[in-house]
Structure formats: C-alpha cells, structure tokens
Amino acid sequence: NAVYGFTSMLRKLIRDHAPDYLVVVFDKSAQTFRNELYP
C-alpha cells in the first residue's frame, strides 16, 4: 500500500509540476546526531 501510494504521488508530482530537477530525500535511520546530544 505505501509503495503504491508513494509511486502514485511521485508520478503525479512530475506530471502536474514538471520540475527541472527532482530529488527525493529519505531518513537513513532512527538514530541521528541529536540522540547523542539528547538521548
């Protein structure tokens, strides 16, 4: 379900807005440098 919805949203974004450049940014993991500063 998430794969289908994500793909549909991404394709619609490209179709409706025709961006010149497009980058998808993900979280790598749940732990970040903030956890080192504040557990």
Full PDB file with SEQRES, HELIX, SHEET, SSBOND, CRYST1, ORIGX, SCALE, CONECT and MASTER records, all heavy atoms in Angstrom:
SEQRES   1 A   39  ASN ALA VAL TYR GLY PHE THR SER MET LEU ARG LYS LEU          
SEQRES   2 A   39  ILE ARG ASP HIS ALA PRO ASP TYR LEU VAL VAL VAL PHE          
SEQRES   3 A   39  ASP LYS SER ALA GLN THR PHE ARG ASN GLU LEU TYR PRO          
HELIX    1 AA1 ALA A    2  HIS A   17  1                                  16    
HELIX    2 AA2 PHE A   33  LEU A   37  1                                   5    
CRYST1    1.000    1.000    1.000  90.00  90.00  90.00 P 1           1          
ORIGX1      1.000000  0.000000  0.000000        0.00000                         
ORIGX2      0.000000  1.000000  0.000000        0.00000                         
ORIGX3      0.000000  0.000000  1.000000        0.00000                         
SCALE1      1.000000  0.000000  0.000000        0.00000                         
SCALE2      0.000000  1.000000  0.000000        0.00000                         
SCALE3      0.000000  0.000000  1.000000        0.00000                         
ATOM      1  N   ASN A   1       0.805  -1.217   0.000  1.00  0.00           N  
ATOM      2  CA  ASN A   1       0.000   0.000   0.000  1.00  0.00           C  
ATOM      3  C   ASN A   1       0.841   1.271   0.000  1.00  0.00           C  
ATOM      4  O   ASN A   1       0.570   2.222  -0.744  1.00  0.00           O  
ATOM      5  CB  ASN A   1      -0.971   0.015   1.185  1.00  0.00           C  
ATOM      6  CG  ASN A   1      -0.287  -0.152   2.525  1.00  0.00           C  
ATOM      7  OD1 ASN A   1       0.628  -0.967   2.672  1.00  0.00           O  
ATOM      8  ND2 ASN A   1      -0.732   0.608   3.524  1.00  0.00           N  
ATOM      9  N   ALA A   2       1.895   1.318   0.818  1.00  0.00           N  
ATOM     10  CA  ALA A   2       2.752   2.503   0.870  1.00  0.00           C  
ATOM     11  C   ALA A   2       3.530   2.670  -0.433  1.00  0.00           C  
ATOM     12  O   ALA A   2       3.712   3.795  -0.919  1.00  0.00           O  
ATOM     13  CB  ALA A   2       3.712   2.419   2.052  1.00  0.00           C  
ATOM     14  N   VAL A   3       3.980   1.566  -1.004  1.00  0.00           N  
ATOM     15  CA  VAL A   3       4.727   1.619  -2.268  1.00  0.00           C  
ATOM     16  C   VAL A   3       3.833   2.165  -3.381  1.00  0.00           C  
ATOM     17  O   VAL A   3       4.240   3.041  -4.148  1.00  0.00           O  
ATOM     18  CB  VAL A   3       5.248   0.217  -2.657  1.00  0.00           C  
ATOM     19  CG1 VAL A   3       5.995   0.285  -3.982  1.00  0.00           C  
ATOM     20  CG2 VAL A   3       6.154  -0.340  -1.575  1.00  0.00           C  
ATOM     21  N   TYR A   4       2.616   1.638  -3.458  1.00  0.00           N  
ATOM     22  CA  TYR A   4       1.679   2.076  -4.488  1.00  0.00           C  
ATOM     23  C   TYR A   4       1.342   3.558  -4.322  1.00  0.00           C  
ATOM     24  O   TYR A   4       1.363   4.329  -5.288  1.00  0.00           O  
ATOM     25  CB  TYR A   4       0.404   1.243  -4.439  1.00  0.00           C  
ATOM     26  CG  TYR A   4      -0.646   1.685  -5.426  1.00  0.00           C  
ATOM     27  CD1 TYR A   4      -0.550   1.333  -6.765  1.00  0.00           C  
ATOM     28  CD2 TYR A   4      -1.734   2.451  -5.013  1.00  0.00           C  
ATOM     29  CE1 TYR A   4      -1.507   1.747  -7.677  1.00  0.00           C  
ATOM     30  CE2 TYR A   4      -2.695   2.875  -5.903  1.00  0.00           C  
ATOM     31  CZ  TYR A   4      -2.573   2.525  -7.251  1.00  0.00           C  
ATOM     32  OH  TYR A   4      -3.512   2.949  -8.153  1.00  0.00           O  
ATOM     33  N   GLY A   5       1.012   3.954  -3.089  1.00  0.00           N  
ATOM     34  CA  GLY A   5       0.661   5.349  -2.844  1.00  0.00           C  
ATOM     35  C   GLY A   5       1.824   6.290  -3.107  1.00  0.00           C  
ATOM     36  O   GLY A   5       1.651   7.352  -3.714  1.00  0.00           O  
ATOM     37  N   PHE A   6       3.012   5.910  -2.656  1.00  0.00           N  
ATOM     38  CA  PHE A   6       4.210   6.723  -2.862  1.00  0.00           C  
ATOM     39  C   PHE A   6       4.468   6.897  -4.361  1.00  0.00           C  
ATOM     40  O   PHE A   6       4.727   8.017  -4.832  1.00  0.00           O  
ATOM     41  CB  PHE A   6       5.404   6.051  -2.195  1.00  0.00           C  
ATOM     42  CG  PHE A   6       6.716   6.766  -2.371  1.00  0.00           C  
ATOM     43  CD1 PHE A   6       7.136   7.716  -1.451  1.00  0.00           C  
ATOM     44  CD2 PHE A   6       7.539   6.479  -3.458  1.00  0.00           C  
ATOM     45  CE1 PHE A   6       8.355   8.368  -1.616  1.00  0.00           C  
ATOM     46  CE2 PHE A   6       8.748   7.125  -3.628  1.00  0.00           C  
ATOM     47  CZ  PHE A   6       9.153   8.073  -2.702  1.00  0.00           C  
ATOM     48  N   THR A   7       4.407   5.810  -5.114  1.00  0.00           N  
ATOM     49  CA  THR A   7       4.657   5.868  -6.547  1.00  0.00           C  
ATOM     50  C   THR A   7       3.637   6.753  -7.262  1.00  0.00           C  
ATOM     51  O   THR A   7       3.989   7.572  -8.111  1.00  0.00           O  
ATOM     52  CB  THR A   7       4.623   4.454  -7.160  1.00  0.00           C  
ATOM     53  OG1 THR A   7       5.540   3.618  -6.461  1.00  0.00           O  
ATOM     54  CG2 THR A   7       4.994   4.484  -8.629  1.00  0.00           C  
ATOM     55  N   SER A   8       2.382   6.606  -6.886  1.00  0.00           N  
ATOM     56  CA  SER A   8       1.321   7.414  -7.496  1.00  0.00           C  
ATOM     57  C   SER A   8       1.524   8.901  -7.215  1.00  0.00           C  
ATOM     58  O   SER A   8       1.375   9.745  -8.110  1.00  0.00           O  
ATOM     59  CB  SER A   8      -0.053   6.968  -6.971  1.00  0.00           C  
ATOM     60  OG  SER A   8      -0.309   5.620  -7.297  1.00  0.00           O  
ATOM     61  N   MET A   9       1.883   9.222  -5.973  1.00  0.00           N  
ATOM     62  CA  MET A   9       2.103  10.620  -5.607  1.00  0.00           C  
ATOM     63  C   MET A   9       3.290  11.207  -6.351  1.00  0.00           C  
ATOM     64  O   MET A   9       3.257  12.354  -6.812  1.00  0.00           O  
ATOM     65  CB  MET A   9       2.321  10.731  -4.089  1.00  0.00           C  
ATOM     66  CG  MET A   9       1.104  10.413  -3.248  1.00  0.00           C  
ATOM     67  SD  MET A   9       1.494  10.473  -1.472  1.00  0.00           S  
ATOM     68  CE  MET A   9      -0.050   9.891  -0.770  1.00  0.00           C  
ATOM     69  N   LEU A  10       4.347  10.434  -6.484  1.00  0.00           N  
ATOM     70  CA  LEU A  10       5.551  10.916  -7.148  1.00  0.00           C  
ATOM     71  C   LEU A  10       5.294  11.143  -8.638  1.00  0.00           C  
ATOM     72  O   LEU A  10       5.712  12.158  -9.208  1.00  0.00           O  
ATOM     73  CB  LEU A  10       6.678   9.902  -6.944  1.00  0.00           C  
ATOM     74  CG  LEU A  10       8.117  10.405  -7.048  1.00  0.00           C  
ATOM     75  CD1 LEU A  10       8.361  11.594  -6.126  1.00  0.00           C  
ATOM     76  CD2 LEU A  10       9.086   9.276  -6.710  1.00  0.00           C  
ATOM     77  N   ARG A  11       4.613  10.212  -9.274  1.00  0.00           N  
ATOM     78  CA  ARG A  11       4.300  10.354 -10.690  1.00  0.00           C  
ATOM     79  C   ARG A  11       3.374  11.541 -10.938  1.00  0.00           C  
ATOM     80  O   ARG A  11       3.521  12.271 -11.924  1.00  0.00           O  
ATOM     81  CB  ARG A  11       3.675   9.067 -11.215  1.00  0.00           C  
ATOM     82  CG  ARG A  11       4.669   7.911 -11.362  1.00  0.00           C  
ATOM     83  CD  ARG A  11       3.972   6.588 -11.554  1.00  0.00           C  
ATOM     84  NE  ARG A  11       3.189   6.547 -12.787  1.00  0.00           N  
ATOM     85  CZ  ARG A  11       3.630   6.067 -13.950  1.00  0.00           C  
ATOM     86  NH1 ARG A  11       4.871   5.615 -14.042  1.00  0.00           N  
ATOM     87  NH2 ARG A  11       2.852   6.038 -15.005  1.00  0.00           N  
ATOM     88  N   LYS A  12       2.433  11.745 -10.039  1.00  0.00           N  
ATOM     89  CA  LYS A  12       1.519  12.887 -10.167  1.00  0.00           C  
ATOM     90  C   LYS A  12       2.268  14.201 -10.005  1.00  0.00           C  
ATOM     91  O   LYS A  12       1.990  15.187 -10.712  1.00  0.00           O  
ATOM     92  CB  LYS A  12       0.396  12.787  -9.132  1.00  0.00           C  
ATOM     93  CG  LYS A  12      -0.688  13.837  -9.293  1.00  0.00           C  
ATOM     94  CD  LYS A  12      -1.813  13.629  -8.286  1.00  0.00           C  
ATOM     95  CE  LYS A  12      -2.987  14.558  -8.566  1.00  0.00           C  
ATOM     96  NZ  LYS A  12      -2.640  15.996  -8.530  1.00  0.00           N  
ATOM     97  N   LEU A  13       3.220  14.232  -9.074  1.00  0.00           N  
ATOM     98  CA  LEU A  13       4.024  15.432  -8.873  1.00  0.00           C  
ATOM     99  C   LEU A  13       4.768  15.804 -10.157  1.00  0.00           C  
ATOM    100  O   LEU A  13       4.770  16.967 -10.578  1.00  0.00           O  
ATOM    101  CB  LEU A  13       5.022  15.208  -7.735  1.00  0.00           C  
ATOM    102  CG  LEU A  13       6.018  16.344  -7.473  1.00  0.00           C  
ATOM    103  CD1 LEU A  13       5.298  17.540  -6.855  1.00  0.00           C  
ATOM    104  CD2 LEU A  13       7.148  15.877  -6.553  1.00  0.00           C  
ATOM    105  N   ILE A  14       5.385  14.815 -10.786  1.00  0.00           N  
ATOM    106  CA  ILE A  14       6.120  15.064 -12.029  1.00  0.00           C  
ATOM    107  C   ILE A  14       5.168  15.501 -13.139  1.00  0.00           C  
ATOM    108  O   ILE A  14       5.456  16.451 -13.886  1.00  0.00           O  
ATOM    109  CB  ILE A  14       6.895  13.797 -12.452  1.00  0.00           C  
ATOM    110  CG1 ILE A  14       7.956  13.458 -11.410  1.00  0.00           C  
ATOM    111  CG2 ILE A  14       7.525  13.990 -13.831  1.00  0.00           C  
ATOM    112  CD1 ILE A  14       8.653  12.136 -11.655  1.00  0.00           C  
ATOM    113  N   ARG A  15       4.038  14.839 -13.237  1.00  0.00           N  
ATOM    114  CA  ARG A  15       3.076  15.148 -14.289  1.00  0.00           C  
ATOM    115  C   ARG A  15       2.477  16.544 -14.127  1.00  0.00           C  
ATOM    116  O   ARG A  15       2.330  17.293 -15.106  1.00  0.00           O  
ATOM    117  CB  ARG A  15       1.964  14.095 -14.283  1.00  0.00           C  
ATOM    118  CG  ARG A  15       0.953  14.255 -15.401  1.00  0.00           C  
ATOM    119  CD  ARG A  15      -0.011  13.085 -15.431  1.00  0.00           C  
ATOM    120  NE  ARG A  15      -0.803  12.965 -14.208  1.00  0.00           N  
ATOM    121  CZ  ARG A  15      -0.661  11.986 -13.329  1.00  0.00           C  
ATOM    122  NH1 ARG A  15       0.253  11.038 -13.514  1.00  0.00           N  
ATOM    123  NH2 ARG A  15      -1.424  11.930 -12.244  1.00  0.00           N  
ATOM    124  N   ASP A  16       2.143  16.922 -12.903  1.00  0.00           N  
ATOM    125  CA  ASP A  16       1.454  18.196 -12.667  1.00  0.00           C  
ATOM    126  C   ASP A  16       2.390  19.393 -12.638  1.00  0.00           C  
ATOM    127  O   ASP A  16       1.991  20.507 -13.004  1.00  0.00           O  
ATOM    128  CB  ASP A  16       0.682  18.139 -11.350  1.00  0.00           C  
ATOM    129  CG  ASP A  16      -0.496  17.179 -11.396  1.00  0.00           C  
ATOM    130  OD1 ASP A  16      -0.818  16.689 -12.501  1.00  0.00           O  
ATOM    131  OD2 ASP A  16      -1.077  16.908 -10.326  1.00  0.00           O  
ATOM    132  N   HIS A  17       3.645  19.184 -12.181  1.00  0.00           N  
ATOM    133  CA  HIS A  17       4.529  20.333 -11.958  1.00  0.00           C  
ATOM    134  C   HIS A  17       5.752  20.363 -12.872  1.00  0.00           C  
ATOM    135  O   HIS A  17       6.416  21.398 -12.956  1.00  0.00           O  
ATOM    136  CB  HIS A  17       4.970  20.356 -10.494  1.00  0.00           C  
ATOM    137  CG  HIS A  17       3.825  20.507  -9.536  1.00  0.00           C  
ATOM    138  ND1 HIS A  17       3.272  21.724  -9.215  1.00  0.00           N  
ATOM    139  CD2 HIS A  17       3.114  19.574  -8.840  1.00  0.00           C  
ATOM    140  CE1 HIS A  17       2.279  21.553  -8.356  1.00  0.00           C  
ATOM    141  NE2 HIS A  17       2.162  20.254  -8.111  1.00  0.00           N  
ATOM    142  N   ALA A  18       6.086  19.270 -13.507  1.00  0.00           N  
ATOM    143  CA  ALA A  18       7.206  19.196 -14.455  1.00  0.00           C  
ATOM    144  C   ALA A  18       8.460  19.897 -13.926  1.00  0.00           C  
ATOM    145  O   ALA A  18       8.965  20.840 -14.530  1.00  0.00           O  
ATOM    146  CB  ALA A  18       6.797  19.814 -15.792  1.00  0.00           C  
ATOM    147  N   PRO A  19       8.990  19.461 -12.785  1.00  0.00           N  
ATOM    148  CA  PRO A  19      10.195  20.106 -12.234  1.00  0.00           C  
ATOM    149  C   PRO A  19      11.405  19.903 -13.132  1.00  0.00           C  
ATOM    150  O   PRO A  19      11.532  18.879 -13.804  1.00  0.00           O  
ATOM    151  CB  PRO A  19      10.386  19.391 -10.889  1.00  0.00           C  
ATOM    152  CG  PRO A  19       9.702  18.073 -11.049  1.00  0.00           C  
ATOM    153  CD  PRO A  19       8.544  18.316 -11.950  1.00  0.00           C  
ATOM    154  N   ASP A  20      12.282  20.895 -13.138  1.00  0.00           N  
ATOM    155  CA  ASP A  20      13.524  20.768 -13.903  1.00  0.00           C  
ATOM    156  C   ASP A  20      14.467  19.786 -13.222  1.00  0.00           C  
ATOM    157  O   ASP A  20      15.143  19.004 -13.890  1.00  0.00           O  
ATOM    158  CB  ASP A  20      14.198  22.137 -14.037  1.00  0.00           C  
ATOM    159  CG  ASP A  20      13.384  23.104 -14.876  1.00  0.00           C  
ATOM    160  OD1 ASP A  20      13.106  22.772 -16.043  1.00  0.00           O  
ATOM    161  OD2 ASP A  20      13.023  24.176 -14.361  1.00  0.00           O  
ATOM    162  N   TYR A  21      14.524  19.870 -11.887  1.00  0.00           N  
ATOM    163  CA  TYR A  21      15.346  18.956 -11.099  1.00  0.00           C  
ATOM    164  C   TYR A  21      14.500  18.406  -9.965  1.00  0.00           C  
ATOM    165  O   TYR A  21      13.663  19.116  -9.403  1.00  0.00           O  
ATOM    166  CB  TYR A  21      16.584  19.664 -10.539  1.00  0.00           C  
ATOM    167  CG  TYR A  21      17.486  20.242 -11.603  1.00  0.00           C  
ATOM    168  CD1 TYR A  21      17.480  21.600 -11.876  1.00  0.00           C  
ATOM    169  CD2 TYR A  21      18.339  19.415 -12.329  1.00  0.00           C  
ATOM    170  CE1 TYR A  21      18.295  22.124 -12.861  1.00  0.00           C  
ATOM    171  CE2 TYR A  21      19.162  19.936 -13.313  1.00  0.00           C  
ATOM    172  CZ  TYR A  21      19.135  21.294 -13.585  1.00  0.00           C  
ATOM    173  OH  TYR A  21      19.934  21.804 -14.568  1.00  0.00           O  
ATOM    174  N   LEU A  22      14.735  17.151  -9.647  1.00  0.00           N  
ATOM    175  CA  LEU A  22      13.925  16.479  -8.631  1.00  0.00           C  
ATOM    176  C   LEU A  22      14.804  15.547  -7.810  1.00  0.00           C  
ATOM    177  O   LEU A  22      15.545  14.730  -8.355  1.00  0.00           O  
ATOM    178  CB  LEU A  22      12.811  15.681  -9.318  1.00  0.00           C  
ATOM    179  CG  LEU A  22      11.915  14.796  -8.446  1.00  0.00           C  
ATOM    180  CD1 LEU A  22      11.126  15.644  -7.450  1.00  0.00           C  
ATOM    181  CD2 LEU A  22      10.953  14.002  -9.324  1.00  0.00           C  
ATOM    182  N   VAL A  23      14.726  15.689  -6.485  1.00  0.00           N  
ATOM    183  CA  VAL A  23      15.481  14.842  -5.575  1.00  0.00           C  
ATOM    184  C   VAL A  23      14.538  14.360  -4.466  1.00  0.00           C  
ATOM    185  O   VAL A  23      13.784  15.152  -3.899  1.00  0.00           O  
ATOM    186  CB  VAL A  23      16.673  15.600  -4.931  1.00  0.00           C  
ATOM    187  CG1 VAL A  23      17.430  14.681  -3.980  1.00  0.00           C  
ATOM    188  CG2 VAL A  23      17.607  16.138  -5.999  1.00  0.00           C  
ATOM    189  N   VAL A  24      14.584  13.073  -4.175  1.00  0.00           N  
ATOM    190  CA  VAL A  24      13.820  12.520  -3.058  1.00  0.00           C  
ATOM    191  C   VAL A  24      14.789  12.275  -1.903  1.00  0.00           C  
ATOM    192  O   VAL A  24      15.831  11.652  -2.086  1.00  0.00           O  
ATOM    193  CB  VAL A  24      13.127  11.199  -3.451  1.00  0.00           C  
ATOM    194  CG1 VAL A  24      12.353  10.643  -2.259  1.00  0.00           C  
ATOM    195  CG2 VAL A  24      12.183  11.424  -4.623  1.00  0.00           C  
ATOM    196  N   VAL A  25      14.439  12.784  -0.729  1.00  0.00           N  
ATOM    197  CA  VAL A  25      15.328  12.699   0.428  1.00  0.00           C  
ATOM    198  C   VAL A  25      14.688  11.821   1.497  1.00  0.00           C  
ATOM    199  O   VAL A  25      13.524  12.003   1.858  1.00  0.00           O  
ATOM    200  CB  VAL A  25      15.624  14.100   1.008  1.00  0.00           C  
ATOM    201  CG1 VAL A  25      16.658  13.999   2.123  1.00  0.00           C  
ATOM    202  CG2 VAL A  25      16.115  15.052  -0.087  1.00  0.00           C  
ATOM    203  N   PHE A  26      15.459  10.844   1.988  1.00  0.00           N  
ATOM    204  CA  PHE A  26      14.953   9.898   2.981  1.00  0.00           C  
ATOM    205  C   PHE A  26      15.712  10.037   4.302  1.00  0.00           C  
ATOM    206  O   PHE A  26      16.868  10.463   4.336  1.00  0.00           O  
ATOM    207  CB  PHE A  26      15.134   8.453   2.495  1.00  0.00           C  
ATOM    208  CG  PHE A  26      14.342   8.102   1.279  1.00  0.00           C  
ATOM    209  CD1 PHE A  26      14.974   7.942   0.044  1.00  0.00           C  
ATOM    210  CD2 PHE A  26      12.972   7.915   1.346  1.00  0.00           C  
ATOM    211  CE1 PHE A  26      14.256   7.593  -1.090  1.00  0.00           C  
ATOM    212  CE2 PHE A  26      12.239   7.573   0.216  1.00  0.00           C  
ATOM    213  CZ  PHE A  26      12.882   7.408  -0.998  1.00  0.00           C  
ATOM    214  N   ASP A  27      15.041   9.627   5.395  1.00  0.00           N  
ATOM    215  CA  ASP A  27      15.737   9.402   6.660  1.00  0.00           C  
ATOM    216  C   ASP A  27      16.528   8.109   6.522  1.00  0.00           C  
ATOM    217  O   ASP A  27      15.996   7.103   6.035  1.00  0.00           O  
ATOM    218  CB  ASP A  27      14.748   9.265   7.816  1.00  0.00           C  
ATOM    219  CG  ASP A  27      14.046  10.573   8.150  1.00  0.00           C  
ATOM    220  OD1 ASP A  27      14.660  11.634   7.980  1.00  0.00           O  
ATOM    221  OD2 ASP A  27      12.871  10.513   8.565  1.00  0.00           O  
ATOM    222  N   LYS A  28      17.772   8.120   6.971  1.00  0.00           N  
ATOM    223  CA  LYS A  28      18.599   6.917   6.875  1.00  0.00           C  
ATOM    224  C   LYS A  28      18.272   5.919   7.973  1.00  0.00           C  
ATOM    225  O   LYS A  28      18.161   4.726   7.755  1.00  0.00           O  
ATOM    226  CB  LYS A  28      20.085   7.303   6.941  1.00  0.00           C  
ATOM    227  CG  LYS A  28      21.059   6.132   6.833  1.00  0.00           C  
ATOM    228  CD  LYS A  28      21.049   5.520   5.454  1.00  0.00           C  
ATOM    229  CE  LYS A  28      22.140   4.480   5.318  1.00  0.00           C  
ATOM    230  NZ  LYS A  28      22.123   3.823   3.992  1.00  0.00           N  
ATOM    231  N   SER A  29      18.132   6.427   9.201  1.00  0.00           N  
ATOM    232  CA  SER A  29      17.830   5.566  10.339  1.00  0.00           C  
ATOM    233  C   SER A  29      17.184   6.412  11.430  1.00  0.00           C  
ATOM    234  O   SER A  29      17.118   7.637  11.336  1.00  0.00           O  
ATOM    235  CB  SER A  29      19.098   4.902  10.872  1.00  0.00           C  
ATOM    236  OG  SER A  29      20.004   5.877  11.363  1.00  0.00           O  
ATOM    237  N   ALA A  30      16.716   5.731  12.474  1.00  0.00           N  
ATOM    238  CA  ALA A  30      16.045   6.443  13.571  1.00  0.00           C  
ATOM    239  C   ALA A  30      17.025   7.221  14.432  1.00  0.00           C  
ATOM    240  O   ALA A  30      16.674   8.212  15.072  1.00  0.00           O  
ATOM    241  CB  ALA A  30      15.265   5.457  14.427  1.00  0.00           C  
ATOM    242  N   GLN A  31      18.290   6.789  14.479  1.00  0.00           N  
ATOM    243  CA  GLN A  31      19.289   7.433  15.320  1.00  0.00           C  
ATOM    244  C   GLN A  31      20.026   8.527  14.537  1.00  0.00           C  
ATOM    245  O   GLN A  31      20.506   8.286  13.431  1.00  0.00           O  
ATOM    246  CB  GLN A  31      20.295   6.401  15.828  1.00  0.00           C  
ATOM    247  CG  GLN A  31      19.697   5.353  16.749  1.00  0.00           C  
ATOM    248  CD  GLN A  31      19.194   5.946  18.054  1.00  0.00           C  
ATOM    249  OE1 GLN A  31      19.902   6.700  18.733  1.00  0.00           O  
ATOM    250  NE2 GLN A  31      17.965   5.620  18.426  1.00  0.00           N  
ATOM    251  N   THR A  32      20.079   9.727  15.117  1.00  0.00           N  
ATOM    252  CA  THR A  32      20.802  10.835  14.496  1.00  0.00           C  
ATOM    253  C   THR A  32      21.738  11.469  15.512  1.00  0.00           C  
ATOM    254  O   THR A  32      21.774  11.062  16.679  1.00  0.00           O  
ATOM    255  CB  THR A  32      19.824  11.914  13.978  1.00  0.00           C  
ATOM    256  OG1 THR A  32      19.237  12.608  15.104  1.00  0.00           O  
ATOM    257  CG2 THR A  32      18.718  11.290  13.135  1.00  0.00           C  
ATOM    258  N   PHE A  33      22.476  12.472  15.073  1.00  0.00           N  
ATOM    259  CA  PHE A  33      23.394  13.155  15.990  1.00  0.00           C  
ATOM    260  C   PHE A  33      22.650  13.807  17.147  1.00  0.00           C  
ATOM    261  O   PHE A  33      23.227  14.061  18.204  1.00  0.00           O  
ATOM    262  CB  PHE A  33      24.222  14.206  15.235  1.00  0.00           C  
ATOM    263  CG  PHE A  33      23.437  15.412  14.779  1.00  0.00           C  
ATOM    264  CD1 PHE A  33      23.334  16.535  15.586  1.00  0.00           C  
ATOM    265  CD2 PHE A  33      22.833  15.437  13.532  1.00  0.00           C  
ATOM    266  CE1 PHE A  33      22.628  17.652  15.173  1.00  0.00           C  
ATOM    267  CE2 PHE A  33      22.128  16.549  13.099  1.00  0.00           C  
ATOM    268  CZ  PHE A  33      22.017  17.664  13.920  1.00  0.00           C  
ATOM    269  N   ARG A  34      21.348  14.051  16.976  1.00  0.00           N  
ATOM    270  CA  ARG A  34      20.557  14.645  18.058  1.00  0.00           C  
ATOM    271  C   ARG A  34      20.427  13.690  19.244  1.00  0.00           C  
ATOM    272  O   ARG A  34      20.324  14.127  20.382  1.00  0.00           O  
ATOM    273  CB  ARG A  34      19.181  15.046  17.530  1.00  0.00           C  
ATOM    274  CG  ARG A  34      19.234  16.163  16.493  1.00  0.00           C  
ATOM    275  CD  ARG A  34      17.844  16.489  15.952  1.00  0.00           C  
ATOM    276  NE  ARG A  34      17.924  17.584  15.003  1.00  0.00           N  
ATOM    277  CZ  ARG A  34      18.209  17.433  13.723  1.00  0.00           C  
ATOM    278  NH1 ARG A  34      18.445  16.228  13.237  1.00  0.00           N  
ATOM    279  NH2 ARG A  34      18.263  18.474  12.915  1.00  0.00           N  
ATOM    280  N   ASN A  35      20.414  12.401  18.962  1.00  0.00           N  
ATOM    281  CA  ASN A  35      20.342  11.424  20.047  1.00  0.00           C  
ATOM    282  C   ASN A  35      21.615  11.423  20.889  1.00  0.00           C  
ATOM    283  O   ASN A  35      21.586  11.107  22.077  1.00  0.00           O  
ATOM    284  CB  ASN A  35      20.092  10.025  19.487  1.00  0.00           C  
ATOM    285  CG  ASN A  35      18.762   9.918  18.770  1.00  0.00           C  
ATOM    286  OD1 ASN A  35      18.707   9.951  17.541  1.00  0.00           O  
ATOM    287  ND2 ASN A  35      17.677   9.808  19.522  1.00  0.00           N  
ATOM    288  N   GLU A  36      22.729  11.771  20.260  1.00  0.00           N  
ATOM    289  CA  GLU A  36      23.978  11.879  21.015  1.00  0.00           C  
ATOM    290  C   GLU A  36      23.937  13.095  21.934  1.00  0.00           C  
ATOM    291  O   GLU A  36      24.450  13.064  23.053  1.00  0.00           O  
ATOM    292  CB  GLU A  36      25.150  11.985  20.053  1.00  0.00           C  
ATOM    293  CG  GLU A  36      25.332  10.757  19.153  1.00  0.00           C  
ATOM    294  CD  GLU A  36      26.455  10.942  18.159  1.00  0.00           C  
ATOM    295  OE1 GLU A  36      27.179  11.957  18.276  1.00  0.00           O  
ATOM    296  OE2 GLU A  36      26.616  10.095  17.273  1.00  0.00           O  
ATOM    297  N   LEU A  37      23.297  14.160  21.466  1.00  0.00           N  
ATOM    298  CA  LEU A  37      23.195  15.375  22.273  1.00  0.00           C  
ATOM    299  C   LEU A  37      22.107  15.259  23.337  1.00  0.00           C  
ATOM    300  O   LEU A  37      22.245  15.782  24.442  1.00  0.00           O  
ATOM    301  CB  LEU A  37      22.892  16.577  21.359  1.00  0.00           C  
ATOM    302  CG  LEU A  37      23.931  16.903  20.283  1.00  0.00           C  
ATOM    303  CD1 LEU A  37      23.419  17.996  19.371  1.00  0.00           C  
ATOM    304  CD2 LEU A  37      25.245  17.322  20.928  1.00  0.00           C  
ATOM    305  N   TYR A  38      21.029  14.560  22.985  1.00  0.00           N  
ATOM    306  CA  TYR A  38      19.886  14.421  23.894  1.00  0.00           C  
ATOM    307  C   TYR A  38      19.284  13.032  23.697  1.00  0.00           C  
ATOM    308  O   TYR A  38      18.496  12.799  22.778  1.00  0.00           O  
ATOM    309  CB  TYR A  38      18.846  15.506  23.576  1.00  0.00           C  
ATOM    310  CG  TYR A  38      17.602  15.454  24.439  1.00  0.00           C  
ATOM    311  CD1 TYR A  38      17.689  15.503  25.831  1.00  0.00           C  
ATOM    312  CD2 TYR A  38      16.341  15.374  23.850  1.00  0.00           C  
ATOM    313  CE1 TYR A  38      16.553  15.456  26.618  1.00  0.00           C  
ATOM    314  CE2 TYR A  38      15.190  15.335  24.627  1.00  0.00           C  
ATOM    315  CZ  TYR A  38      15.305  15.374  26.013  1.00  0.00           C  
ATOM    316  OH  TYR A  38      14.180  15.338  26.793  1.00  0.00           O  
ATOM    317  N   PRO A  39      19.674  12.061  24.513  1.00  0.00           N  
ATOM    318  CA  PRO A  39      19.267  10.660  24.332  1.00  0.00           C  
ATOM    319  C   PRO A  39      17.755  10.451  24.256  1.00  0.00           C  
ATOM    320  O   PRO A  39      17.297   9.482  23.637  1.00  0.00           O  
ATOM    321  CB  PRO A  39      19.858   9.965  25.554  1.00  0.00           C  
ATOM    322  CG  PRO A  39      21.038  10.808  25.929  1.00  0.00           C  
ATOM    323  CD  PRO A  39      20.625  12.221  25.641  1.00  0.00           C  
TER     324      PRO A  39                                                      
MASTER        0    0    0    2    0    0    0    6  323    1    0    3          
END                                                                             
